[in-house]
N, C-alpha and C. Protein backbone atom coordinates (compact mmCIF):
# COMPACT_ATOMS: atom_id res chain seq x y z
N MET A 1 86.63 81.97 91.03
CA MET A 1 86.62 83.45 91.23
C MET A 1 86.60 84.24 92.55
N PRO A 2 86.72 84.69 93.24
CA PRO A 2 86.32 85.03 94.59
C PRO A 2 85.42 86.36 94.28
N LYS A 3 84.42 86.57 95.15
CA LYS A 3 83.62 87.36 95.35
C LYS A 3 84.18 88.97 95.68
N LEU A 4 83.73 90.26 95.19
CA LEU A 4 84.27 91.18 95.53
C LEU A 4 83.48 91.41 96.52
N PRO A 5 84.34 92.11 97.53
CA PRO A 5 84.07 92.34 98.58
C PRO A 5 83.07 93.63 98.39
N ARG A 6 82.51 94.19 99.60
CA ARG A 6 82.08 95.85 99.87
C ARG A 6 83.16 96.90 99.99
N VAL A 7 83.42 97.78 99.91
CA VAL A 7 84.51 98.12 99.81
C VAL A 7 84.33 99.73 99.57
N SER A 8 84.85 100.93 100.24
CA SER A 8 84.47 102.14 99.81
C SER A 8 85.62 103.09 98.84
N SER A 9 85.50 103.98 97.56
CA SER A 9 85.71 104.36 97.17
C SER A 9 87.45 104.65 97.42
N ARG A 10 87.67 105.31 99.03
CA ARG A 10 88.90 105.53 99.26
C ARG A 10 90.16 104.35 99.44
N GLU A 11 89.33 103.22 99.35
CA GLU A 11 90.01 101.97 99.13
C GLU A 11 90.36 101.17 98.36
N VAL A 12 89.13 101.88 96.99
CA VAL A 12 89.09 101.36 95.95
C VAL A 12 90.52 102.28 95.52
N ILE A 13 90.30 104.10 95.40
CA ILE A 13 91.87 104.16 95.00
C ILE A 13 93.24 103.78 95.73
N ARG A 14 93.75 103.04 96.81
CA ARG A 14 94.35 102.84 97.14
C ARG A 14 95.06 102.47 96.65
N ALA A 15 94.11 100.71 96.24
CA ALA A 15 94.33 99.66 95.93
C ALA A 15 95.01 99.60 94.37
N LEU A 16 94.08 100.96 93.88
CA LEU A 16 94.62 100.86 92.04
C LEU A 16 96.42 101.83 92.09
N GLU A 17 96.42 103.03 93.38
CA GLU A 17 97.30 103.26 93.50
C GLU A 17 98.65 102.47 93.66
N ARG A 18 97.98 101.36 94.70
CA ARG A 18 99.30 99.95 94.77
C ARG A 18 99.62 99.73 93.30
N LEU A 19 98.65 99.56 92.65
CA LEU A 19 98.83 99.01 91.26
C LEU A 19 99.38 99.90 90.43
N GLY A 20 100.07 101.24 90.79
CA GLY A 20 100.45 101.79 89.73
C GLY A 20 99.74 102.55 88.43
N PHE A 21 98.66 102.82 89.46
CA PHE A 21 97.76 104.02 88.99
C PHE A 21 98.37 105.35 89.38
N VAL A 22 98.12 106.09 88.57
CA VAL A 22 98.35 108.12 89.24
C VAL A 22 97.15 108.08 89.66
N LEU A 23 96.83 109.20 90.56
CA LEU A 23 95.64 110.34 90.82
C LEU A 23 95.39 111.29 89.67
N ILE A 24 95.12 111.61 88.32
CA ILE A 24 94.73 112.74 87.33
C ILE A 24 94.48 113.86 88.04
N ARG A 25 92.77 113.87 88.01
CA ARG A 25 91.63 115.04 88.77
C ARG A 25 90.90 114.52 89.65
N GLN A 26 90.11 115.35 89.84
CA GLN A 26 88.55 114.87 90.81
C GLN A 26 87.84 116.24 90.21
N THR A 27 87.02 115.65 89.74
CA THR A 27 85.50 116.76 89.44
C THR A 27 84.96 116.47 89.89
N GLY A 28 84.27 117.00 91.25
CA GLY A 28 82.86 116.87 91.92
C GLY A 28 83.10 115.41 92.69
N SER A 29 82.53 114.56 92.00
CA SER A 29 82.15 113.35 93.21
C SER A 29 82.75 112.47 91.95
N HIS A 30 83.99 112.68 91.15
CA HIS A 30 84.69 111.31 90.03
C HIS A 30 85.48 111.68 90.13
N VAL A 31 86.57 110.57 91.10
CA VAL A 31 88.50 110.63 90.49
C VAL A 31 88.78 109.28 89.35
N VAL A 32 89.38 110.47 88.52
CA VAL A 32 89.60 110.37 87.16
C VAL A 32 91.45 109.03 88.06
N LEU A 33 91.92 108.77 87.64
CA LEU A 33 93.05 107.68 87.77
C LEU A 33 93.64 107.47 86.23
N LYS A 34 94.88 107.12 85.89
CA LYS A 34 95.79 106.70 85.23
C LYS A 34 97.09 105.89 85.29
N LYS A 35 97.21 105.04 84.10
CA LYS A 35 98.19 104.30 83.97
C LYS A 35 98.76 104.12 82.89
N VAL A 36 100.01 104.43 82.69
CA VAL A 36 101.14 103.95 82.05
C VAL A 36 101.42 102.48 81.59
N THR A 37 101.11 102.21 80.67
CA THR A 37 101.36 100.35 80.44
C THR A 37 102.30 100.42 78.96
N ALA A 38 102.89 99.27 78.74
CA ALA A 38 103.07 99.14 77.38
C ALA A 38 102.83 98.97 75.82
N GLU A 39 101.78 99.08 76.18
CA GLU A 39 100.40 98.85 74.99
C GLU A 39 99.62 100.20 75.09
N GLY A 40 99.95 101.53 76.11
CA GLY A 40 99.42 102.73 76.39
C GLY A 40 98.71 102.95 77.14
N GLU A 41 98.00 104.19 77.65
CA GLU A 41 96.95 104.35 78.57
C GLU A 41 95.65 103.24 79.31
N ILE A 42 96.17 103.59 80.24
CA ILE A 42 94.78 102.45 80.22
C ILE A 42 93.64 103.92 81.94
N GLY A 43 93.01 104.16 81.75
CA GLY A 43 92.26 105.42 82.59
C GLY A 43 90.93 104.54 82.87
N CYS A 44 90.28 104.83 84.29
CA CYS A 44 89.38 105.02 84.84
C CYS A 44 89.01 105.38 86.09
N VAL A 45 87.50 105.42 86.66
CA VAL A 45 86.83 106.77 86.89
C VAL A 45 86.51 106.23 88.51
N VAL A 46 86.42 106.31 89.39
CA VAL A 46 85.82 106.02 90.60
C VAL A 46 84.94 107.18 91.00
N PRO A 47 83.84 106.75 91.47
CA PRO A 47 82.72 107.41 91.95
C PRO A 47 82.94 107.43 93.24
N VAL A 48 83.10 108.72 94.39
CA VAL A 48 83.19 108.92 95.77
C VAL A 48 81.53 109.00 96.23
N HIS A 49 82.32 107.56 96.77
CA HIS A 49 80.77 107.21 97.34
C HIS A 49 81.67 106.81 98.64
N ARG A 50 80.44 105.73 99.61
CA ARG A 50 80.91 105.50 101.41
C ARG A 50 81.32 104.09 100.89
N GLU A 51 80.44 103.32 100.21
CA GLU A 51 80.26 102.22 100.16
C GLU A 51 80.30 101.97 98.49
N LEU A 52 80.76 101.27 97.59
CA LEU A 52 81.04 101.13 96.41
C LEU A 52 79.49 99.33 95.80
N LYS A 53 78.88 99.75 94.77
CA LYS A 53 78.26 98.61 94.90
C LYS A 53 78.73 97.78 94.00
N VAL A 54 78.35 96.24 94.29
CA VAL A 54 79.27 95.11 93.75
C VAL A 54 79.64 95.43 92.03
N GLY A 55 78.80 95.34 91.65
CA GLY A 55 78.70 95.89 90.21
C GLY A 55 78.80 97.14 89.17
N THR A 56 79.39 98.26 90.60
CA THR A 56 80.39 99.27 89.80
C THR A 56 81.52 99.19 90.00
N LEU A 57 82.29 98.40 91.05
CA LEU A 57 83.59 97.88 91.71
C LEU A 57 83.39 97.15 90.31
N ASN A 58 83.14 96.40 90.02
CA ASN A 58 83.13 94.94 88.22
C ASN A 58 83.72 96.04 87.23
N SER A 59 82.88 97.03 87.13
CA SER A 59 83.26 97.78 86.13
C SER A 59 84.07 98.76 85.73
N ILE A 60 84.57 99.30 87.42
CA ILE A 60 86.02 99.85 87.35
C ILE A 60 86.51 98.84 87.16
N LEU A 61 86.70 97.75 88.28
CA LEU A 61 88.20 96.78 87.48
C LEU A 61 88.25 96.34 86.00
N LYS A 62 86.89 95.91 85.73
CA LYS A 62 87.24 96.06 83.62
C LYS A 62 87.86 97.01 83.64
N GLN A 63 87.44 98.19 83.28
CA GLN A 63 87.93 99.89 83.33
C GLN A 63 89.44 99.71 83.45
N ALA A 64 90.13 99.54 84.67
CA ALA A 64 91.15 99.48 84.75
C ALA A 64 91.83 97.81 84.06
N LYS A 65 91.73 96.86 84.07
CA LYS A 65 92.49 95.64 83.28
C LYS A 65 92.66 95.22 84.51
N VAL A 66 92.16 94.89 85.89
CA VAL A 66 92.67 94.43 86.69
C VAL A 66 92.38 92.84 87.70
N THR A 67 92.21 91.96 87.55
CA THR A 67 91.79 90.76 88.49
C THR A 67 90.91 91.22 89.04
N ILE A 68 90.18 90.53 89.71
CA ILE A 68 89.85 90.42 91.01
C ILE A 68 90.71 90.27 92.39
N GLU A 69 91.70 89.05 91.48
CA GLU A 69 92.35 88.49 92.79
C GLU A 69 93.57 90.00 93.04
N ASP A 70 93.85 90.35 91.97
CA ASP A 70 95.06 91.25 91.63
C ASP A 70 95.05 92.79 92.94
N PHE A 71 92.84 93.04 92.71
CA PHE A 71 92.38 93.94 93.57
C PHE A 71 92.44 93.44 95.37
N ILE A 72 92.18 91.92 95.22
CA ILE A 72 92.20 91.99 97.07
C ILE A 72 93.14 91.69 97.15
N ASP A 73 94.27 91.61 96.19
CA ASP A 73 95.33 91.35 97.01
C ASP A 73 96.35 92.64 97.78
N ASN A 74 95.25 93.86 97.15
CA ASN A 74 96.14 95.12 97.77
C ASN A 74 95.54 96.42 97.89
N LEU A 75 93.87 95.20 98.84
CA LEU A 75 93.69 95.83 99.18
C LEU A 75 94.10 96.30 100.54
């Protein structure tokens, strides 16, 4: 499994949008994204920071049900 890169919240949002997520709303410093699948809706929250910590990014990817490889391919 590859290591997670240090990325900004803008890069994470852009990669998730390439994976089919749609920006729903932004409340303060948090952006809410959703994706409709056959199993239902998948939602995730991305905090707006210059650089996300690796643990935070890992948590976002778990919420979004996205593998690290798919995420890195869509950066």
